[in-house]
Protein backbone atom coordinates (compact mmCIF):
# COMPACT_ATOMS: atom_id res chain seq x y z
CA UNK A 1 -1.85 -107.11 28.24
CA UNK A 2 -3.28 -104.12 26.46
CA UNK A 3 -1.65 -103.06 23.21
CA UNK A 4 -0.45 -100.07 22.56
CA UNK A 5 -2.26 -98.51 20.53
CA UNK A 6 -5.10 -99.55 22.86
CA UNK A 7 -4.53 -97.50 25.06
CA UNK A 8 -3.34 -94.81 23.30
CA UNK A 9 -7.08 -94.48 22.19
CA UNK A 10 -7.96 -94.65 25.90
CA UNK A 11 -6.06 -92.06 26.70
CA UNK A 12 -7.55 -90.10 23.27
CA UNK A 13 -10.63 -90.64 24.33
CA UNK A 14 -9.84 -89.27 27.82
CA UNK A 15 -9.28 -85.38 26.55
CA UNK A 16 -10.53 -85.18 23.14
CA UNK A 17 -13.31 -82.30 24.81
CA UNK A 18 -10.58 -80.38 26.24
CA UNK A 19 -8.38 -80.21 22.97
CA UNK A 20 -11.51 -79.76 20.73
CA UNK A 21 -11.88 -76.03 21.83
CA UNK A 22 -8.20 -75.34 22.52
CA UNK A 23 -7.41 -73.40 18.93
CA UNK A 24 -11.18 -72.30 17.08
CA UNK A 25 -10.31 -69.74 14.85
CA UNK A 26 -6.87 -70.54 13.94
CA UNK A 27 -4.96 -72.33 11.97
CA UNK A 28 -4.85 -76.12 12.79
CA UNK A 29 -0.42 -76.80 11.76
CA UNK A 30 0.75 -80.18 13.40
CA UNK A 31 4.78 -79.82 13.70
CA UNK A 32 5.90 -83.72 13.83
CA UNK A 33 9.58 -82.10 14.22
CA UNK A 34 11.86 -80.40 16.98
CA UNK A 35 13.45 -77.88 14.49
CA UNK A 36 9.79 -76.69 13.07
CA UNK A 37 8.07 -77.29 16.57
CA UNK A 38 11.06 -74.28 17.35
CA UNK A 39 10.05 -72.57 14.62
CA UNK A 40 6.42 -72.48 15.28
CA UNK A 41 6.46 -70.91 18.67
CA UNK A 42 9.41 -68.82 17.67
CA UNK A 43 6.58 -67.08 14.92
CA UNK A 44 3.32 -67.02 17.58
CA UNK A 45 2.29 -69.80 15.41
CA UNK A 46 1.28 -71.88 18.39
CA UNK A 47 1.31 -75.35 17.20
CA UNK A 48 -2.07 -77.45 17.70
CA UNK A 49 -0.30 -80.51 18.93
CA UNK A 50 3.32 -81.48 18.36
CA UNK A 51 5.07 -84.81 18.23
CA UNK A 52 7.17 -86.15 21.40
CA UNK A 53 6.72 -82.52 23.66
CA UNK A 54 8.72 -84.53 26.05
CA UNK A 55 12.04 -84.42 23.61
CA UNK A 56 11.57 -81.19 22.72
CA UNK A 57 11.71 -79.99 26.10
CA UNK A 58 15.03 -81.82 26.68
CA UNK A 59 16.71 -80.81 23.56
CA UNK A 60 15.21 -77.64 22.42
CA UNK A 61 13.42 -76.55 25.60
CA UNK A 62 13.49 -72.50 24.02
CA UNK A 63 10.88 -71.39 23.03
CA UNK A 64 9.50 -73.95 25.65
CA UNK A 65 6.52 -75.99 24.63
CA UNK A 66 3.26 -74.42 26.49
CA UNK A 67 2.56 -76.49 30.01
CA UNK A 68 -0.94 -77.40 27.55
CA UNK A 69 0.25 -78.80 24.66
CA UNK A 70 -1.11 -81.58 22.85
CA UNK A 71 1.33 -84.26 22.68
CA UNK A 72 1.20 -86.81 20.07
CA UNK A 73 3.47 -89.07 21.15
CA UNK A 74 7.23 -90.49 19.36
CA UNK A 75 8.65 -88.56 16.34
CA UNK A 76 7.68 -91.62 13.95
CA UNK A 77 4.97 -92.76 15.62
CA UNK A 78 2.26 -90.63 16.13
CA UNK A 79 -1.03 -91.27 17.77
CA UNK A 80 -3.24 -91.65 14.77
CA UNK A 81 -6.83 -91.72 15.94
CA UNK A 82 -5.79 -88.60 18.64
CA UNK A 83 -4.12 -86.64 14.77
CA UNK A 84 -7.52 -87.72 13.09
CA UNK A 85 -9.95 -86.03 16.04
CA UNK A 86 -7.49 -82.68 16.17
CA UNK A 87 -8.69 -82.32 12.29
CA UNK A 88 -5.03 -79.90 11.27
CA UNK A 89 -4.98 -77.83 7.99
CA UNK A 90 -2.07 -78.92 7.53
CA UNK A 91 1.19 -81.09 9.30
CA UNK A 92 5.10 -80.30 9.15
CA UNK A 93 6.79 -83.59 9.02
CA UNK A 94 10.74 -83.88 7.86
CA UNK A 95 11.58 -85.59 4.88
CA UNK A 96 13.82 -88.22 7.00
CA UNK A 97 9.77 -89.02 8.70
CA UNK A 98 8.61 -89.98 4.86
CA UNK A 99 8.14 -93.30 4.99
CA UNK A 100 7.38 -93.52 8.53
CA UNK A 101 4.20 -91.40 8.10
CA UNK A 102 3.01 -91.55 5.48
CA UNK A 103 -0.48 -92.51 6.57
CA UNK A 104 -0.13 -88.25 7.68
CA UNK A 105 -1.18 -87.75 3.78
CA UNK A 106 -4.94 -89.27 4.51
CA UNK A 107 -5.17 -86.69 7.39
CA UNK A 108 -4.58 -83.30 6.29
CA UNK A 109 -1.82 -81.57 3.69
CA UNK A 110 1.80 -82.59 4.74
CA UNK A 111 4.33 -80.21 3.80
CA UNK A 112 7.14 -82.99 3.84
CA UNK A 113 10.07 -79.93 4.76
CA UNK A 114 14.25 -80.88 4.69
CA UNK A 115 15.75 -80.64 7.76
CA UNK A 116 19.82 -80.50 6.86
CA UNK A 117 21.59 -78.01 4.26
CA UNK A 118 22.15 -79.10 0.62
CA UNK A 119 23.99 -76.78 -1.58
CA UNK A 120 24.28 -74.23 1.08
CA UNK A 121 25.49 -73.38 4.51
CA UNK A 122 23.48 -74.59 7.66
CA UNK A 123 22.31 -70.60 8.55
CA UNK A 124 21.10 -69.92 5.36
CA UNK A 125 19.37 -73.30 4.95
CA UNK A 126 17.73 -72.17 8.66
CA UNK A 127 16.95 -68.78 7.17
CA UNK A 128 15.20 -70.30 3.84
CA UNK A 129 13.33 -72.61 6.28
CA UNK A 130 12.53 -70.07 8.92
CA UNK A 131 10.52 -68.22 5.93
CA UNK A 132 9.73 -71.25 4.32
CA UNK A 133 7.26 -72.04 7.53
CA UNK A 134 6.50 -68.60 7.83
CA UNK A 135 4.71 -68.35 4.76
CA UNK A 136 2.82 -71.14 5.70
CA UNK A 137 1.90 -70.12 9.01
CA UNK A 138 1.22 -66.65 7.47
CA UNK A 139 3.84 -65.16 10.31
CA UNK A 140 6.22 -63.42 7.70
CA UNK A 141 6.64 -60.33 9.56
CA UNK A 142 7.38 -62.48 12.45
CA UNK A 143 10.19 -64.43 10.58
CA UNK A 144 11.53 -61.08 9.68
CA UNK A 145 11.86 -59.86 13.21
CA UNK A 146 13.43 -63.28 14.09
CA UNK A 147 15.88 -63.57 11.77
CA UNK A 148 17.37 -59.70 11.99
CA UNK A 149 17.39 -60.86 16.16
CA UNK A 150 19.29 -63.24 14.71
CA UNK A 151 21.71 -61.34 12.47
CA UNK A 152 22.41 -58.60 14.87
CA UNK A 153 23.05 -60.97 17.95
CA UNK A 154 25.61 -62.77 15.64
CA UNK A 155 27.68 -59.75 14.31
CA UNK A 156 27.35 -58.25 17.84
CA UNK A 157 28.83 -62.24 18.55
CA UNK A 158 31.60 -61.65 15.59
CA UNK A 159 32.70 -57.95 17.27
CA UNK A 160 33.55 -59.50 20.68
CA UNK A 161 35.44 -62.23 19.72
CA UNK A 162 37.10 -60.11 17.79
CA UNK A 163 40.49 -60.56 19.37
CA UNK A 164 39.80 -64.72 19.10
CA UNK A 165 39.55 -64.13 15.72
CA UNK A 166 41.22 -67.55 13.97
CA UNK A 167 41.38 -69.24 17.03
CA UNK A 168 40.46 -72.97 16.52
CA UNK A 169 37.15 -74.40 18.87
CA UNK A 170 36.35 -77.86 19.81
CA UNK A 171 32.63 -78.02 19.66
CA UNK A 172 31.17 -81.60 21.41
CA UNK A 173 29.28 -83.41 23.84
CA UNK A 174 30.89 -86.14 26.19
CA UNK A 175 29.74 -89.28 26.09
CA UNK A 176 28.85 -91.30 29.36
CA UNK A 177 31.87 -93.61 29.37
CA UNK A 178 34.27 -90.80 28.92
CA UNK A 179 36.36 -92.30 25.83
CA UNK A 180 34.01 -90.82 23.44
CA UNK A 181 32.33 -87.62 21.91
CA UNK A 182 30.12 -86.49 19.57
CA UNK A 183 31.76 -83.39 17.39
CA UNK A 184 30.13 -81.14 15.67
CA UNK A 185 31.60 -80.26 12.40
CA UNK A 186 30.75 -77.11 9.96
CA UNK A 187 28.13 -78.82 7.99
CA UNK A 188 26.09 -78.15 11.85
CA UNK A 189 24.21 -75.12 12.87
CA UNK A 190 26.43 -74.54 15.58
CA UNK A 191 29.86 -75.68 12.93
CA UNK A 192 28.28 -72.57 11.04
CA UNK A 193 27.97 -69.86 13.79
CA UNK A 194 30.93 -71.27 14.92
CA UNK A 195 32.48 -69.62 12.10
CA UNK A 196 30.84 -66.72 11.35
CA UNK A 197 31.79 -65.78 14.50
CA UNK A 198 34.99 -65.42 13.52
CA UNK A 199 36.54 -68.68 14.97
CA UNK A 200 37.75 -71.86 13.05
CA UNK A 201 36.35 -75.32 13.57
CA UNK A 202 38.98 -77.20 15.00
CA UNK A 203 37.79 -80.62 13.80
CA UNK A 204 37.72 -81.18 10.54
CA UNK A 205 37.47 -84.96 9.85
CA UNK A 206 34.56 -86.78 7.95
CA UNK A 207 30.92 -85.82 9.66
CA UNK A 208 27.51 -87.03 8.73
CA UNK A 209 24.63 -85.24 7.19
CA UNK A 210 23.99 -83.05 10.08
CA UNK A 211 27.37 -82.14 10.42
CA UNK A 212 28.14 -84.59 13.61
CA UNK A 213 30.85 -87.20 13.90
CA UNK A 214 31.66 -89.48 16.81
CA UNK A 215 35.48 -89.81 17.74
CA UNK A 216 37.78 -90.96 20.27
CA UNK A 217 38.73 -88.42 23.49
CA UNK A 218 42.66 -89.04 21.88
CA UNK A 219 41.71 -86.99 18.58
CA UNK A 220 41.35 -83.60 20.27
CA UNK A 221 44.86 -84.08 20.49
CA UNK A 222 45.20 -82.71 16.68
CA UNK A 223 44.70 -79.11 17.35
CA UNK A 224 46.81 -78.63 20.35
CA UNK A 225 45.74 -75.04 20.48
CA UNK A 226 42.31 -75.25 20.49
CA UNK A 227 40.03 -74.42 22.77
CA UNK A 228 37.49 -77.47 24.28
CA UNK A 229 33.91 -76.22 24.54
CA UNK A 230 31.28 -78.81 25.46
CA UNK A 231 27.59 -78.57 26.08
CA UNK A 232 26.58 -79.47 29.86
CA UNK A 233 23.69 -82.26 29.76
CA UNK A 234 22.73 -82.48 33.44
CA UNK A 235 23.89 -85.91 34.84
CA UNK A 236 25.02 -87.07 31.55
CA UNK A 237 27.86 -85.15 31.57
CA UNK A 238 28.47 -84.88 34.81
CA UNK A 239 29.18 -89.22 34.84
CA UNK A 240 31.67 -87.96 31.37
CA UNK A 241 32.91 -85.93 33.55
CA UNK A 242 34.32 -88.26 36.01
CA UNK A 243 35.48 -91.06 34.04
CA UNK A 244 37.93 -88.23 32.09
CA UNK A 245 38.72 -87.28 35.54
CA UNK A 246 40.13 -90.01 35.47
CA UNK A 247 41.96 -90.73 32.01
CA UNK A 248 45.37 -90.57 31.41
CA UNK A 249 44.26 -89.39 27.77
CA UNK A 250 42.14 -86.48 28.70
CA UNK A 251 44.38 -85.03 31.49
CA UNK A 252 47.21 -85.31 29.07
CA UNK A 253 45.66 -83.42 26.65
CA UNK A 254 46.94 -79.71 25.95
CA UNK A 255 43.48 -78.32 26.02
CA UNK A 256 42.77 -79.74 29.67
CA UNK A 257 46.69 -78.76 30.70
CA UNK A 258 45.73 -75.22 30.01
CA UNK A 259 42.74 -75.06 31.23
CA UNK A 260 41.02 -74.63 27.93
CA UNK A 261 37.79 -77.10 29.03
CA UNK A 262 34.76 -74.50 28.80
CA UNK A 263 31.59 -75.97 29.06
CA UNK A 264 28.18 -74.07 27.88
CA UNK A 265 23.99 -74.84 28.78
CA UNK A 266 23.04 -77.10 25.79
CA UNK A 267 21.87 -76.13 22.74
CA UNK A 268 19.92 -78.01 19.94
CA UNK A 269 22.90 -78.05 17.61
CA UNK A 270 21.19 -78.51 14.64
CA UNK A 271 17.98 -75.94 15.96
CA UNK A 272 16.16 -73.42 14.18
CA UNK A 273 16.38 -69.59 14.52
CA UNK A 274 16.13 -69.37 18.19
CA UNK A 275 18.55 -71.37 18.29
CA UNK A 276 20.97 -69.45 16.50
CA UNK A 277 20.75 -66.64 18.03
CA UNK A 278 20.95 -68.23 21.47
CA UNK A 279 24.51 -70.45 20.40
CA UNK A 280 25.89 -67.12 19.43
CA UNK A 281 25.57 -64.97 22.60
CA UNK A 282 26.51 -67.99 24.72
CA UNK A 283 29.81 -68.28 22.50
CA UNK A 284 30.77 -65.17 23.04
CA UNK A 285 30.04 -65.22 26.76
CA UNK A 286 31.92 -67.92 27.44
CA UNK A 287 35.06 -67.05 25.40
CA UNK A 288 35.16 -63.89 27.04
CA UNK A 289 37.60 -64.98 29.45
CA UNK A 290 39.70 -67.07 27.84
CA UNK A 291 43.72 -64.97 26.60
CA UNK A 292 43.04 -63.66 22.71
CA UNK A 293 44.83 -66.34 20.71
CA UNK A 294 48.14 -65.72 18.93
CA UNK A 295 48.59 -63.87 15.75
């Protein structure tokens, strides 16, 4: 049986001539994290290579990865032979990857960047991270334009949601078993957008460093006036909804009985500036038909 390393080496050799000519004359930047990839693509600084292109396309998707993007493989097990061949000028990697990806420092300078906020709100963190990546890529003007658009869209969303000001909202993703949910608190990017749009996050429990917690659906009764917004993930969500439809607990929830359960296209919950803009637009759109909150 061939080892994984043998297979990767063979695959590398198969398309080396093609990638050798792909980015001649450009700053060769490699991205090892989904949010960094999003920001680079949004800035027009196309990465020389990206870790786990299929995962990026599934979880982030906008901006789309180029059809001919060079895929380095898993986030913590990249194809080092291919990476050496590409001769990048710099590598962007997440701080949480440092222990697994230390060998990257023998290939090119690595910028170990944080992926979650410490001591600042998620949107302020995202703003600073965009500026930092733009500085490394020489795309400061593009970053200013992206950030300006995000600020304008968020302000517009808040204005559109003025009648909903203070409305409690649960923001979540259902597990397939129909019993649990990943719920997003204020320390997540989407949770911060929610609050800055004038709404109230109905979930006030403990969450991890990315602002996410796993809870049972019975806890959604804690804020009976809340709207439940869930991210739709295709077949996975369809299976969850079928199980929820058969759940007495789910069917007894105030939001379910009142028809205040709304779906929206999935957004990477701790994505970059484009994800911020997309979520703000979707949030305003999905709540447009909900009766105004009572003061």
